Amino acid sequence: MSEEQKNTDEVPTKVAEPSLSDTLESWLTKVDESLKAWGIDLDKMSAKAGETGEDARAEYEKQVASLREQLDKTRNRVDEITKTQGEAAGEMRKGVQNAWGELRKGIEGTAKKLGFGGGEKSE
């Protein structure tokens, strides 16, 4: 990801979607890049949440904290996959693929509520 991409207000960052048909190496690369980009996005969302009204801020901060926890859990599961081999890695990969999709939905929804990506901010 270039420095220019990191500094844009586009949240969530557009990422390549991993597919279970990808090689393990390609899949791991896509997931890792996504998680790194979304970590930056969560920092941007947290900063923007601080600019909202008190009631909305508390709710947005709670949502961002929950997403960050979900991101961290997904990252830990990816780390486990890199240490595991065979069928077990394949099964774990399916679980992470599902968690990745849920995380993406959560980040997209929260970003939209905060007014990123052309969406209207809702308070």
N, C-alpha and C. Protein backbone atom coordinates (compact mmCIF):
# COMPACT_ATOMS: atom_id res chain seq x y z
N MET A 1 0.86 -1.17 0.00
CA MET A 1 0.00 0.00 0.00
C MET A 1 0.90 1.23 0.00
N SER A 2 0.63 2.15 -0.92
CA SER A 2 1.48 3.34 -1.00
C SER A 2 1.11 4.33 0.10
N GLU A 3 2.04 5.25 0.37
CA GLU A 3 1.80 6.27 1.39
C GLU A 3 0.59 7.12 1.01
N GLU A 4 0.41 7.36 -0.29
CA GLU A 4 -0.72 8.15 -0.76
C GLU A 4 -2.03 7.46 -0.41
N GLN A 5 -2.10 6.13 -0.59
CA GLN A 5 -3.32 5.39 -0.27
C GLN A 5 -3.61 5.44 1.22
N LYS A 6 -2.58 5.39 2.05
CA LYS A 6 -2.78 5.41 3.49
C LYS A 6 -3.36 6.72 3.97
N ASN A 7 -3.10 7.80 3.24
CA ASN A 7 -3.51 9.12 3.70
C ASN A 7 -4.84 9.58 3.14
N THR A 8 -5.51 8.76 2.34
CA THR A 8 -6.80 9.17 1.80
C THR A 8 -7.88 8.96 2.85
N ASP A 9 -9.01 9.62 2.63
CA ASP A 9 -10.13 9.47 3.55
C ASP A 9 -11.05 8.34 3.12
N GLU A 10 -10.67 7.58 2.11
CA GLU A 10 -11.51 6.48 1.67
C GLU A 10 -11.47 5.36 2.70
N VAL A 11 -12.58 5.18 3.33
CA VAL A 11 -12.71 4.14 4.34
C VAL A 11 -14.02 3.43 4.06
N PRO A 12 -14.04 2.13 3.98
CA PRO A 12 -12.91 1.24 4.15
C PRO A 12 -12.02 1.22 2.91
N THR A 13 -10.76 0.94 3.13
CA THR A 13 -9.80 0.83 2.05
C THR A 13 -10.21 -0.33 1.15
N LYS A 14 -10.13 -0.12 -0.15
CA LYS A 14 -10.44 -1.19 -1.10
C LYS A 14 -9.32 -2.22 -1.00
N VAL A 15 -9.68 -3.47 -0.82
CA VAL A 15 -8.71 -4.55 -0.68
C VAL A 15 -9.08 -5.70 -1.62
N ALA A 16 -8.09 -6.50 -1.96
CA ALA A 16 -8.34 -7.69 -2.77
C ALA A 16 -8.98 -8.75 -1.87
N GLU A 17 -10.10 -9.27 -2.31
CA GLU A 17 -10.81 -10.26 -1.50
C GLU A 17 -10.14 -11.63 -1.63
N PRO A 18 -9.78 -12.22 -0.51
CA PRO A 18 -9.19 -13.56 -0.57
C PRO A 18 -10.25 -14.58 -0.95
N SER A 19 -9.82 -15.64 -1.61
CA SER A 19 -10.72 -16.71 -2.00
C SER A 19 -10.11 -18.04 -1.57
N LEU A 20 -10.94 -18.96 -1.15
CA LEU A 20 -10.45 -20.26 -0.75
C LEU A 20 -9.80 -21.01 -1.92
N SER A 21 -10.06 -20.56 -3.15
CA SER A 21 -9.41 -21.18 -4.31
C SER A 21 -8.01 -20.62 -4.55
N ASP A 22 -7.64 -19.55 -3.84
CA ASP A 22 -6.29 -19.00 -3.93
C ASP A 22 -5.30 -20.00 -3.32
N THR A 23 -4.05 -19.93 -3.76
CA THR A 23 -3.02 -20.72 -3.08
C THR A 23 -2.95 -20.20 -1.65
N LEU A 24 -2.45 -21.01 -0.75
CA LEU A 24 -2.35 -20.59 0.65
C LEU A 24 -1.52 -19.32 0.76
N GLU A 25 -0.41 -19.26 0.03
CA GLU A 25 0.46 -18.08 0.10
C GLU A 25 -0.27 -16.82 -0.38
N SER A 26 -0.98 -16.93 -1.50
CA SER A 26 -1.73 -15.78 -2.03
C SER A 26 -2.84 -15.38 -1.07
N TRP A 27 -3.53 -16.36 -0.54
CA TRP A 27 -4.63 -16.10 0.39
C TRP A 27 -4.11 -15.39 1.64
N LEU A 28 -3.00 -15.90 2.20
CA LEU A 28 -2.42 -15.27 3.38
C LEU A 28 -2.00 -13.83 3.11
N THR A 29 -1.44 -13.59 1.94
CA THR A 29 -1.02 -12.23 1.57
C THR A 29 -2.22 -11.30 1.51
N LYS A 30 -3.30 -11.74 0.86
CA LYS A 30 -4.50 -10.91 0.74
C LYS A 30 -5.12 -10.62 2.11
N VAL A 31 -5.21 -11.64 2.94
CA VAL A 31 -5.80 -11.46 4.27
C VAL A 31 -4.92 -10.51 5.09
N ASP A 32 -3.61 -10.72 5.06
CA ASP A 32 -2.70 -9.87 5.82
C ASP A 32 -2.79 -8.41 5.37
N GLU A 33 -2.79 -8.17 4.07
CA GLU A 33 -2.89 -6.80 3.56
C GLU A 33 -4.22 -6.17 3.96
N SER A 34 -5.29 -6.95 3.91
CA SER A 34 -6.61 -6.45 4.32
C SER A 34 -6.60 -6.03 5.78
N LEU A 35 -6.08 -6.89 6.63
CA LEU A 35 -6.08 -6.61 8.07
C LEU A 35 -5.23 -5.39 8.39
N LYS A 36 -4.10 -5.23 7.73
CA LYS A 36 -3.27 -4.04 7.93
C LYS A 36 -4.02 -2.78 7.51
N ALA A 37 -4.64 -2.83 6.33
CA ALA A 37 -5.39 -1.66 5.83
C ALA A 37 -6.56 -1.33 6.76
N TRP A 38 -7.26 -2.35 7.22
CA TRP A 38 -8.41 -2.11 8.10
C TRP A 38 -7.99 -1.61 9.46
N GLY A 39 -6.80 -1.97 9.91
CA GLY A 39 -6.29 -1.40 11.16
C GLY A 39 -6.13 0.11 11.03
N ILE A 40 -5.61 0.54 9.89
CA ILE A 40 -5.48 1.98 9.62
C ILE A 40 -6.86 2.62 9.52
N ASP A 41 -7.79 1.93 8.85
CA ASP A 41 -9.16 2.44 8.74
C ASP A 41 -9.79 2.63 10.12
N LEU A 42 -9.57 1.68 11.01
CA LEU A 42 -10.14 1.78 12.36
C LEU A 42 -9.55 2.98 13.10
N ASP A 43 -8.27 3.27 12.88
CA ASP A 43 -7.68 4.48 13.47
C ASP A 43 -8.38 5.73 12.96
N LYS A 44 -8.66 5.77 11.65
CA LYS A 44 -9.36 6.92 11.05
C LYS A 44 -10.78 7.03 11.60
N MET A 45 -11.45 5.89 11.75
CA MET A 45 -12.82 5.90 12.28
C MET A 45 -12.83 6.36 13.73
N SER A 46 -11.85 5.93 14.48
CA SER A 46 -11.77 6.34 15.88
C SER A 46 -11.58 7.85 15.99
N ALA A 47 -10.73 8.40 15.13
CA ALA A 47 -10.51 9.85 15.13
C ALA A 47 -11.78 10.59 14.75
N LYS A 48 -12.48 10.07 13.75
CA LYS A 48 -13.70 10.73 13.30
C LYS A 48 -14.81 10.60 14.34
N ALA A 49 -14.83 9.49 15.06
CA ALA A 49 -15.83 9.31 16.12
C ALA A 49 -15.66 10.38 17.18
N GLY A 50 -14.41 10.80 17.41
CA GLY A 50 -14.14 11.84 18.40
C GLY A 50 -14.70 13.20 18.02
N GLU A 51 -15.08 13.34 16.75
CA GLU A 51 -15.63 14.61 16.27
C GLU A 51 -17.14 14.66 16.35
N THR A 52 -17.77 13.58 16.81
CA THR A 52 -19.24 13.54 16.85
C THR A 52 -19.74 13.97 18.22
N GLY A 53 -21.05 14.08 18.34
CA GLY A 53 -21.66 14.42 19.62
C GLY A 53 -21.37 13.36 20.66
N GLU A 54 -21.53 13.73 21.91
CA GLU A 54 -21.15 12.86 23.02
C GLU A 54 -21.82 11.49 22.98
N ASP A 55 -23.14 11.46 22.76
CA ASP A 55 -23.86 10.18 22.73
C ASP A 55 -23.40 9.33 21.55
N ALA A 56 -23.30 9.96 20.39
CA ALA A 56 -22.87 9.22 19.19
C ALA A 56 -21.43 8.75 19.35
N ARG A 57 -20.59 9.60 19.94
CA ARG A 57 -19.18 9.25 20.11
C ARG A 57 -19.03 7.96 20.90
N ALA A 58 -19.77 7.84 21.99
CA ALA A 58 -19.68 6.64 22.82
C ALA A 58 -20.07 5.40 22.03
N GLU A 59 -21.13 5.51 21.25
CA GLU A 59 -21.59 4.37 20.45
C GLU A 59 -20.57 4.02 19.37
N TYR A 60 -20.05 5.03 18.66
CA TYR A 60 -19.05 4.77 17.61
C TYR A 60 -17.77 4.19 18.19
N GLU A 61 -17.35 4.72 19.33
CA GLU A 61 -16.13 4.19 19.96
C GLU A 61 -16.32 2.74 20.37
N LYS A 62 -17.51 2.41 20.82
CA LYS A 62 -17.82 1.02 21.18
C LYS A 62 -17.77 0.14 19.93
N GLN A 63 -18.34 0.60 18.83
CA GLN A 63 -18.33 -0.17 17.58
C GLN A 63 -16.90 -0.36 17.08
N VAL A 64 -16.09 0.70 17.09
CA VAL A 64 -14.71 0.62 16.62
C VAL A 64 -13.91 -0.33 17.51
N ALA A 65 -14.11 -0.26 18.82
CA ALA A 65 -13.40 -1.16 19.74
C ALA A 65 -13.78 -2.62 19.46
N SER A 66 -15.03 -2.86 19.20
CA SER A 66 -15.48 -4.22 18.90
C SER A 66 -14.86 -4.71 17.59
N LEU A 67 -14.82 -3.83 16.59
CA LEU A 67 -14.21 -4.20 15.31
C LEU A 67 -12.71 -4.46 15.47
N ARG A 68 -12.05 -3.65 16.29
CA ARG A 68 -10.61 -3.85 16.51
C ARG A 68 -10.36 -5.20 17.19
N GLU A 69 -11.22 -5.55 18.14
CA GLU A 69 -11.10 -6.84 18.81
C GLU A 69 -11.30 -7.98 17.81
N GLN A 70 -12.29 -7.83 16.94
CA GLN A 70 -12.55 -8.82 15.90
C GLN A 70 -11.36 -8.92 14.94
N LEU A 71 -10.78 -7.79 14.58
CA LEU A 71 -9.61 -7.77 13.71
C LEU A 71 -8.44 -8.50 14.37
N ASP A 72 -8.21 -8.22 15.64
CA ASP A 72 -7.11 -8.86 16.37
C ASP A 72 -7.30 -10.37 16.46
N LYS A 73 -8.53 -10.81 16.71
CA LYS A 73 -8.81 -12.25 16.77
C LYS A 73 -8.57 -12.90 15.41
N THR A 74 -8.98 -12.22 14.35
CA THR A 74 -8.77 -12.75 13.00
C THR A 74 -7.28 -12.83 12.70
N ARG A 75 -6.54 -11.79 13.07
CA ARG A 75 -5.08 -11.79 12.87
C ARG A 75 -4.43 -12.96 13.63
N ASN A 76 -4.87 -13.21 14.85
CA ASN A 76 -4.32 -14.32 15.64
C ASN A 76 -4.62 -15.66 14.97
N ARG A 77 -5.81 -15.79 14.41
CA ARG A 77 -6.17 -17.03 13.72
C ARG A 77 -5.33 -17.22 12.46
N VAL A 78 -5.03 -16.12 11.77
CA VAL A 78 -4.16 -16.19 10.59
C VAL A 78 -2.76 -16.65 11.01
N ASP A 79 -2.29 -16.12 12.12
CA ASP A 79 -0.98 -16.53 12.63
C ASP A 79 -0.96 -18.03 12.93
N GLU A 80 -2.06 -18.56 13.46
CA GLU A 80 -2.16 -19.99 13.74
C GLU A 80 -2.10 -20.80 12.45
N ILE A 81 -2.74 -20.30 11.40
CA ILE A 81 -2.73 -21.01 10.11
C ILE A 81 -1.32 -21.12 9.56
N THR A 82 -0.53 -20.07 9.72
CA THR A 82 0.84 -20.11 9.20
C THR A 82 1.68 -21.15 9.93
N LYS A 83 1.27 -21.54 11.13
CA LYS A 83 2.01 -22.53 11.92
C LYS A 83 1.45 -23.95 11.74
N THR A 84 0.29 -24.06 11.08
CA THR A 84 -0.40 -25.33 10.94
C THR A 84 -0.28 -25.81 9.50
N GLN A 85 -0.32 -27.11 9.31
CA GLN A 85 -0.22 -27.66 7.96
C GLN A 85 -1.32 -28.67 7.73
N GLY A 86 -1.50 -29.01 6.48
CA GLY A 86 -2.43 -30.07 6.10
C GLY A 86 -3.89 -29.66 6.18
N GLU A 87 -4.75 -30.66 6.42
CA GLU A 87 -6.19 -30.44 6.44
C GLU A 87 -6.61 -29.47 7.53
N ALA A 88 -5.92 -29.49 8.64
CA ALA A 88 -6.27 -28.59 9.74
C ALA A 88 -6.16 -27.14 9.29
N ALA A 89 -5.12 -26.82 8.52
CA ALA A 89 -4.95 -25.46 8.01
C ALA A 89 -6.10 -25.09 7.09
N GLY A 90 -6.54 -26.05 6.27
CA GLY A 90 -7.65 -25.81 5.36
C GLY A 90 -8.94 -25.50 6.09
N GLU A 91 -9.20 -26.25 7.15
CA GLU A 91 -10.40 -26.01 7.95
C GLU A 91 -10.33 -24.65 8.65
N MET A 92 -9.17 -24.34 9.20
CA MET A 92 -8.99 -23.05 9.87
C MET A 92 -9.16 -21.91 8.88
N ARG A 93 -8.69 -22.12 7.67
CA ARG A 93 -8.78 -21.10 6.62
C ARG A 93 -10.24 -20.76 6.32
N LYS A 94 -11.09 -21.78 6.29
CA LYS A 94 -12.53 -21.54 6.05
C LYS A 94 -13.11 -20.65 7.14
N GLY A 95 -12.74 -20.91 8.39
CA GLY A 95 -13.24 -20.10 9.49
C GLY A 95 -12.75 -18.66 9.40
N VAL A 96 -11.49 -18.49 9.04
CA VAL A 96 -10.95 -17.13 8.90
C VAL A 96 -11.60 -16.42 7.72
N GLN A 97 -11.87 -17.15 6.64
CA GLN A 97 -12.54 -16.55 5.48
C GLN A 97 -13.89 -15.99 5.89
N ASN A 98 -14.63 -16.74 6.70
CA ASN A 98 -15.93 -16.27 7.18
C ASN A 98 -15.76 -15.06 8.11
N ALA A 99 -14.78 -15.13 9.01
CA ALA A 99 -14.53 -14.01 9.93
C ALA A 99 -14.11 -12.77 9.14
N TRP A 100 -13.32 -12.95 8.09
CA TRP A 100 -12.88 -11.84 7.23
C TRP A 100 -14.11 -11.14 6.63
N GLY A 101 -15.05 -11.93 6.12
CA GLY A 101 -16.26 -11.36 5.52
C GLY A 101 -17.10 -10.58 6.52
N GLU A 102 -17.24 -11.13 7.72
CA GLU A 102 -18.00 -10.44 8.77
C GLU A 102 -17.30 -9.15 9.20
N LEU A 103 -15.99 -9.20 9.30
CA LEU A 103 -15.22 -8.01 9.66
C LEU A 103 -15.39 -6.93 8.60
N ARG A 104 -15.31 -7.33 7.33
CA ARG A 104 -15.49 -6.37 6.23
C ARG A 104 -16.86 -5.70 6.33
N LYS A 105 -17.90 -6.48 6.55
CA LYS A 105 -19.26 -5.92 6.67
C LYS A 105 -19.34 -4.93 7.83
N GLY A 106 -18.74 -5.29 8.96
CA GLY A 106 -18.77 -4.40 10.12
C GLY A 106 -18.03 -3.10 9.86
N ILE A 107 -16.88 -3.18 9.24
CA ILE A 107 -16.11 -1.98 8.94
C ILE A 107 -16.85 -1.11 7.94
N GLU A 108 -17.40 -1.72 6.90
CA GLU A 108 -18.16 -0.96 5.91
C GLU A 108 -19.36 -0.25 6.55
N GLY A 109 -20.08 -0.96 7.41
CA GLY A 109 -21.26 -0.38 8.06
C GLY A 109 -20.90 0.78 8.98
N THR A 110 -19.87 0.60 9.79
CA THR A 110 -19.46 1.66 10.71
C THR A 110 -18.90 2.85 9.95
N ALA A 111 -18.13 2.57 8.89
CA ALA A 111 -17.58 3.66 8.08
C ALA A 111 -18.71 4.49 7.46
N LYS A 112 -19.73 3.81 6.99
CA LYS A 112 -20.87 4.52 6.39
C LYS A 112 -21.58 5.39 7.43
N LYS A 113 -21.77 4.85 8.63
CA LYS A 113 -22.42 5.61 9.70
C LYS A 113 -21.63 6.86 10.06
N LEU A 114 -20.31 6.76 9.94
CA LEU A 114 -19.45 7.91 10.27
C LEU A 114 -19.28 8.87 9.10
N GLY A 115 -19.88 8.55 7.96
CA GLY A 115 -19.84 9.47 6.82
C GLY A 115 -18.66 9.26 5.88
N PHE A 116 -17.94 8.16 6.02
CA PHE A 116 -16.87 7.83 5.08
C PHE A 116 -17.47 7.23 3.82
N GLY A 117 -16.70 7.27 2.75
CA GLY A 117 -17.09 6.59 1.52
C GLY A 117 -18.32 7.15 0.87
N GLY A 118 -18.57 8.43 1.05
CA GLY A 118 -19.70 9.06 0.41
C GLY A 118 -21.02 8.84 1.13
N GLY A 119 -20.99 8.06 2.20
CA GLY A 119 -22.21 7.83 2.95
C GLY A 119 -22.53 9.01 3.84
N GLU A 120 -23.75 9.12 4.25
CA GLU A 120 -24.16 10.19 5.15
C GLU A 120 -23.93 9.75 6.58
N LYS A 121 -23.35 10.59 7.35
CA LYS A 121 -23.13 10.28 8.77
C LYS A 121 -24.46 10.25 9.49
N SER A 122 -24.66 9.21 10.31
CA SER A 122 -25.87 9.15 11.10
C SER A 122 -25.48 9.22 12.57
N GLU A 123 -26.18 10.03 13.31
CA GLU A 123 -25.86 10.20 14.74
C GLU A 123 -27.02 9.77 15.59
